[in-house]
């Protein structure tokens, strides 16, 4: 399993067509301890009930949701997830498409010390 080490303050970690569920590659945040994940969706079709979770792990294998999952609502929208104490070794976004048939989802991560 590969991972991405983030040294930049902003990073697009997912640009995804909503035809399948997906987990992003694990991220290593370096010295950053605060995470903002901007979830942006456009053109969703079908029953709009997909979820996006920001998850953490200390071993890169066992993952837990760090905050309540974002449930996408409407064909277009956005939400911001804030985590103020990020002390896991690895992070990822988990997307469960449920009944969504298509559209696009982006997750952009902003990091702060």
C-alpha atoms as a PDB file:
ATOM      1  CA  UNK A   1       0.000   0.000   0.000  1.00  0.00           C
ATOM      2  CA  UNK A   2       1.438   3.369  -0.978  1.00  0.00           C
ATOM      3  CA  UNK A   3       1.017   6.585   0.918  1.00  0.00           C
ATOM      4  CA  UNK A   4       1.403  10.275   0.207  1.00  0.00           C
ATOM      5  CA  UNK A   5       3.402  12.533   2.516  1.00  0.00           C
ATOM      6  CA  UNK A   6       1.891  16.017   2.628  1.00  0.00           C
ATOM      7  CA  UNK A   7       4.190  18.973   3.099  1.00  0.00           C
ATOM      8  CA  UNK A   8       2.013  21.518   1.299  1.00  0.00           C
ATOM      9  CA  UNK A   9      -0.793  23.330   3.059  1.00  0.00           C
ATOM     10  CA  UNK A  10      -3.410  22.454   0.375  1.00  0.00           C
ATOM     11  CA  UNK A  11      -3.816  19.180  -1.498  1.00  0.00           C
ATOM     12  CA  UNK A  12      -6.465  17.721  -3.777  1.00  0.00           C
ATOM     13  CA  UNK A  13      -6.670  14.137  -2.525  1.00  0.00           C
ATOM     14  CA  UNK A  14      -9.681  12.979  -4.521  1.00  0.00           C
ATOM     15  CA  UNK A  15     -11.269  13.880  -7.868  1.00  0.00           C
ATOM     16  CA  UNK A  16     -13.720  11.034  -8.320  1.00  0.00           C
ATOM     17  CA  UNK A  17     -16.541  10.009 -10.646  1.00  0.00           C
ATOM     18  CA  UNK A  18     -19.308   8.737  -8.360  1.00  0.00           C
ATOM     19  CA  UNK A  19     -19.849   5.370 -10.046  1.00  0.00           C
ATOM     20  CA  UNK A  20     -18.027   3.326  -7.345  1.00  0.00           C
ATOM     21  CA  UNK A  21     -17.125   3.655  -3.666  1.00  0.00           C
ATOM     22  CA  UNK A  22     -13.466   4.451  -2.949  1.00  0.00           C
ATOM     23  CA  UNK A  23     -10.842   4.939  -0.240  1.00  0.00           C
ATOM     24  CA  UNK A  24      -8.054   7.421  -0.950  1.00  0.00           C
ATOM     25  CA  UNK A  25      -4.435   6.379  -0.534  1.00  0.00           C
ATOM     26  CA  UNK A  26      -3.277   6.908   3.067  1.00  0.00           C
ATOM     27  CA  UNK A  27      -1.790  10.325   3.837  1.00  0.00           C
ATOM     28  CA  UNK A  28       1.018  11.121   6.257  1.00  0.00           C
ATOM     29  CA  UNK A  29       0.645  14.677   7.549  1.00  0.00           C
ATOM     30  CA  UNK A  30       4.157  15.303   8.797  1.00  0.00           C
ATOM     31  CA  UNK A  31       4.154  18.049  11.442  1.00  0.00           C
ATOM     32  CA  UNK A  32       0.584  19.270  10.771  1.00  0.00           C
ATOM     33  CA  UNK A  33      -1.996  18.751  13.549  1.00  0.00           C
ATOM     34  CA  UNK A  34      -5.087  20.519  12.172  1.00  0.00           C
ATOM     35  CA  UNK A  35      -7.011  19.295   9.122  1.00  0.00           C
ATOM     36  CA  UNK A  36      -9.733  20.937   7.073  1.00  0.00           C
ATOM     37  CA  UNK A  37     -11.297  18.728   4.410  1.00  0.00           C
ATOM     38  CA  UNK A  38     -13.469  20.529   1.856  1.00  0.00           C
ATOM     39  CA  UNK A  39     -15.916  18.084   0.249  1.00  0.00           C
ATOM     40  CA  UNK A  40     -17.384  19.368  -3.042  1.00  0.00           C
ATOM     41  CA  UNK A  41     -19.900  17.480  -5.181  1.00  0.00           C
ATOM     42  CA  UNK A  42     -21.461  18.344  -8.549  1.00  0.00           C
ATOM     43  CA  UNK A  43     -23.961  16.761 -10.907  1.00  0.00           C
ATOM     44  CA  UNK A  44     -24.945  13.850  -8.678  1.00  0.00           C
ATOM     45  CA  UNK A  45     -27.727  11.632  -9.999  1.00  0.00           C
ATOM     46  CA  UNK A  46     -29.772   8.757  -8.640  1.00  0.00           C
ATOM     47  CA  UNK A  47     -30.774   8.740  -4.978  1.00  0.00           C
ATOM     48  CA  UNK A  48     -28.412  11.242  -3.341  1.00  0.00           C
ATOM     49  CA  UNK A  49     -27.322   9.389  -0.194  1.00  0.00           C
ATOM     50  CA  UNK A  50     -23.529   9.004  -0.522  1.00  0.00           C
ATOM     51  CA  UNK A  51     -21.292   9.572   2.504  1.00  0.00           C
ATOM     52  CA  UNK A  52     -17.728  10.857   2.899  1.00  0.00           C
ATOM     53  CA  UNK A  53     -15.761  10.038   6.044  1.00  0.00           C
ATOM     54  CA  UNK A  54     -12.367  11.305   7.151  1.00  0.00           C
ATOM     55  CA  UNK A  55     -10.639   8.384   8.814  1.00  0.00           C
ATOM     56  CA  UNK A  56      -7.481   7.927  10.872  1.00  0.00           C
ATOM     57  CA  UNK A  57      -5.191   4.971  11.550  1.00  0.00           C
ATOM     58  CA  UNK A  58      -1.982   4.329  13.446  1.00  0.00           C
ATOM     59  CA  UNK A  59      -1.030   1.231  11.447  1.00  0.00           C
ATOM     60  CA  UNK A  60      -2.430   1.972   7.958  1.00  0.00           C
ATOM     61  CA  UNK A  61      -4.694  -1.096   8.177  1.00  0.00           C
ATOM     62  CA  UNK A  62      -7.329  -0.478  10.887  1.00  0.00           C
ATOM     63  CA  UNK A  63      -9.341   2.700  10.234  1.00  0.00           C
ATOM     64  CA  UNK A  64     -11.822   4.689  12.354  1.00  0.00           C
ATOM     65  CA  UNK A  65     -13.980   7.697  11.491  1.00  0.00           C
ATOM     66  CA  UNK A  66     -12.531  10.807  13.153  1.00  0.00           C
ATOM     67  CA  UNK A  67     -15.703  12.893  12.826  1.00  0.00           C
ATOM     68  CA  UNK A  68     -19.287  12.280  11.748  1.00  0.00           C
ATOM     69  CA  UNK A  69     -19.491  11.381   8.059  1.00  0.00           C
ATOM     70  CA  UNK A  70     -20.748  13.994   5.598  1.00  0.00           C
ATOM     71  CA  UNK A  71     -23.968  12.842   3.917  1.00  0.00           C
ATOM     72  CA  UNK A  72     -24.241  14.390   0.468  1.00  0.00           C
ATOM     73  CA  UNK A  73     -27.563  16.147  -0.164  1.00  0.00           C
ATOM     74  CA  UNK A  74     -28.731  17.559  -3.479  1.00  0.00           C
ATOM     75  CA  UNK A  75     -27.112  17.259  -6.879  1.00  0.00           C
ATOM     76  CA  UNK A  76     -24.552  19.971  -6.047  1.00  0.00           C
ATOM     77  CA  UNK A  77     -23.122  21.114  -2.738  1.00  0.00           C
ATOM     78  CA  UNK A  78     -20.182  21.303  -0.398  1.00  0.00           C
ATOM     79  CA  UNK A  79     -19.288  20.813   3.238  1.00  0.00           C
ATOM     80  CA  UNK A  80     -16.237  21.479   5.374  1.00  0.00           C
ATOM     81  CA  UNK A  81     -14.931  18.944   7.889  1.00  0.00           C
ATOM     82  CA  UNK A  82     -12.609  20.286  10.612  1.00  0.00           C
ATOM     83  CA  UNK A  83     -10.326  18.185  12.809  1.00  0.00           C
ATOM     84  CA  UNK A  84      -8.436  20.215  15.403  1.00  0.00           C
ATOM     85  CA  UNK A  85      -6.314  17.490  17.039  1.00  0.00           C
ATOM     86  CA  UNK A  86      -4.881  15.206  14.372  1.00  0.00           C
ATOM     87  CA  UNK A  87      -2.601  12.705  16.095  1.00  0.00           C
ATOM     88  CA  UNK A  88      -2.954   9.584  13.939  1.00  0.00           C
ATOM     89  CA  UNK A  89      -0.112   8.336  11.758  1.00  0.00           C
ATOM     90  CA  UNK A  90      -2.269   8.009   8.610  1.00  0.00           C
ATOM     91  CA  UNK A  91      -5.395   9.678   7.219  1.00  0.00           C
ATOM     92  CA  UNK A  92      -7.726   8.999   4.308  1.00  0.00           C
ATOM     93  CA  UNK A  93     -11.104   9.894   2.861  1.00  0.00           C
ATOM     94  CA  UNK A  94     -13.617   7.065   2.501  1.00  0.00           C
ATOM     95  CA  UNK A  95     -16.462   7.505   0.006  1.00  0.00           C
ATOM     96  CA  UNK A  96     -19.497   5.211   0.055  1.00  0.00           C
ATOM     97  CA  UNK A  97     -21.641   5.930  -2.992  1.00  0.00           C
ATOM     98  CA  UNK A  98     -24.755   4.036  -1.803  1.00  0.00           C
ATOM     99  CA  UNK A  99     -27.484   4.771  -4.425  1.00  0.00           C
ATOM    100  CA  UNK A 100     -25.714   7.598  -6.286  1.00  0.00           C
ATOM    101  CA  UNK A 101     -25.410   6.725  -9.992  1.00  0.00           C
ATOM    102  CA  UNK A 102     -23.039   9.441 -11.237  1.00  0.00           C
ATOM    103  CA  UNK A 103     -21.541  12.881 -10.772  1.00  0.00           C
ATOM    104  CA  UNK A 104     -18.237  14.179  -9.425  1.00  0.00           C
ATOM    105  CA  UNK A 105     -16.766  14.457  -5.933  1.00  0.00           C
ATOM    106  CA  UNK A 106     -13.639  16.331  -4.870  1.00  0.00           C
ATOM    107  CA  UNK A 107     -11.938  16.375  -1.472  1.00  0.00           C
ATOM    108  CA  UNK A 108      -9.375  19.099  -0.848  1.00  0.00           C
ATOM    109  CA  UNK A 109      -7.329  18.975   2.340  1.00  0.00           C
ATOM    110  CA  UNK A 110      -5.919  22.086   4.026  1.00  0.00           C
ATOM    111  CA  UNK A 111      -3.350  21.599   6.785  1.00  0.00           C
ATOM    112  CA  UNK A 112      -2.281  23.863   9.654  1.00  0.00           C
ATOM    113  CA  UNK A 113       0.301  23.514  12.393  1.00  0.00           C
END
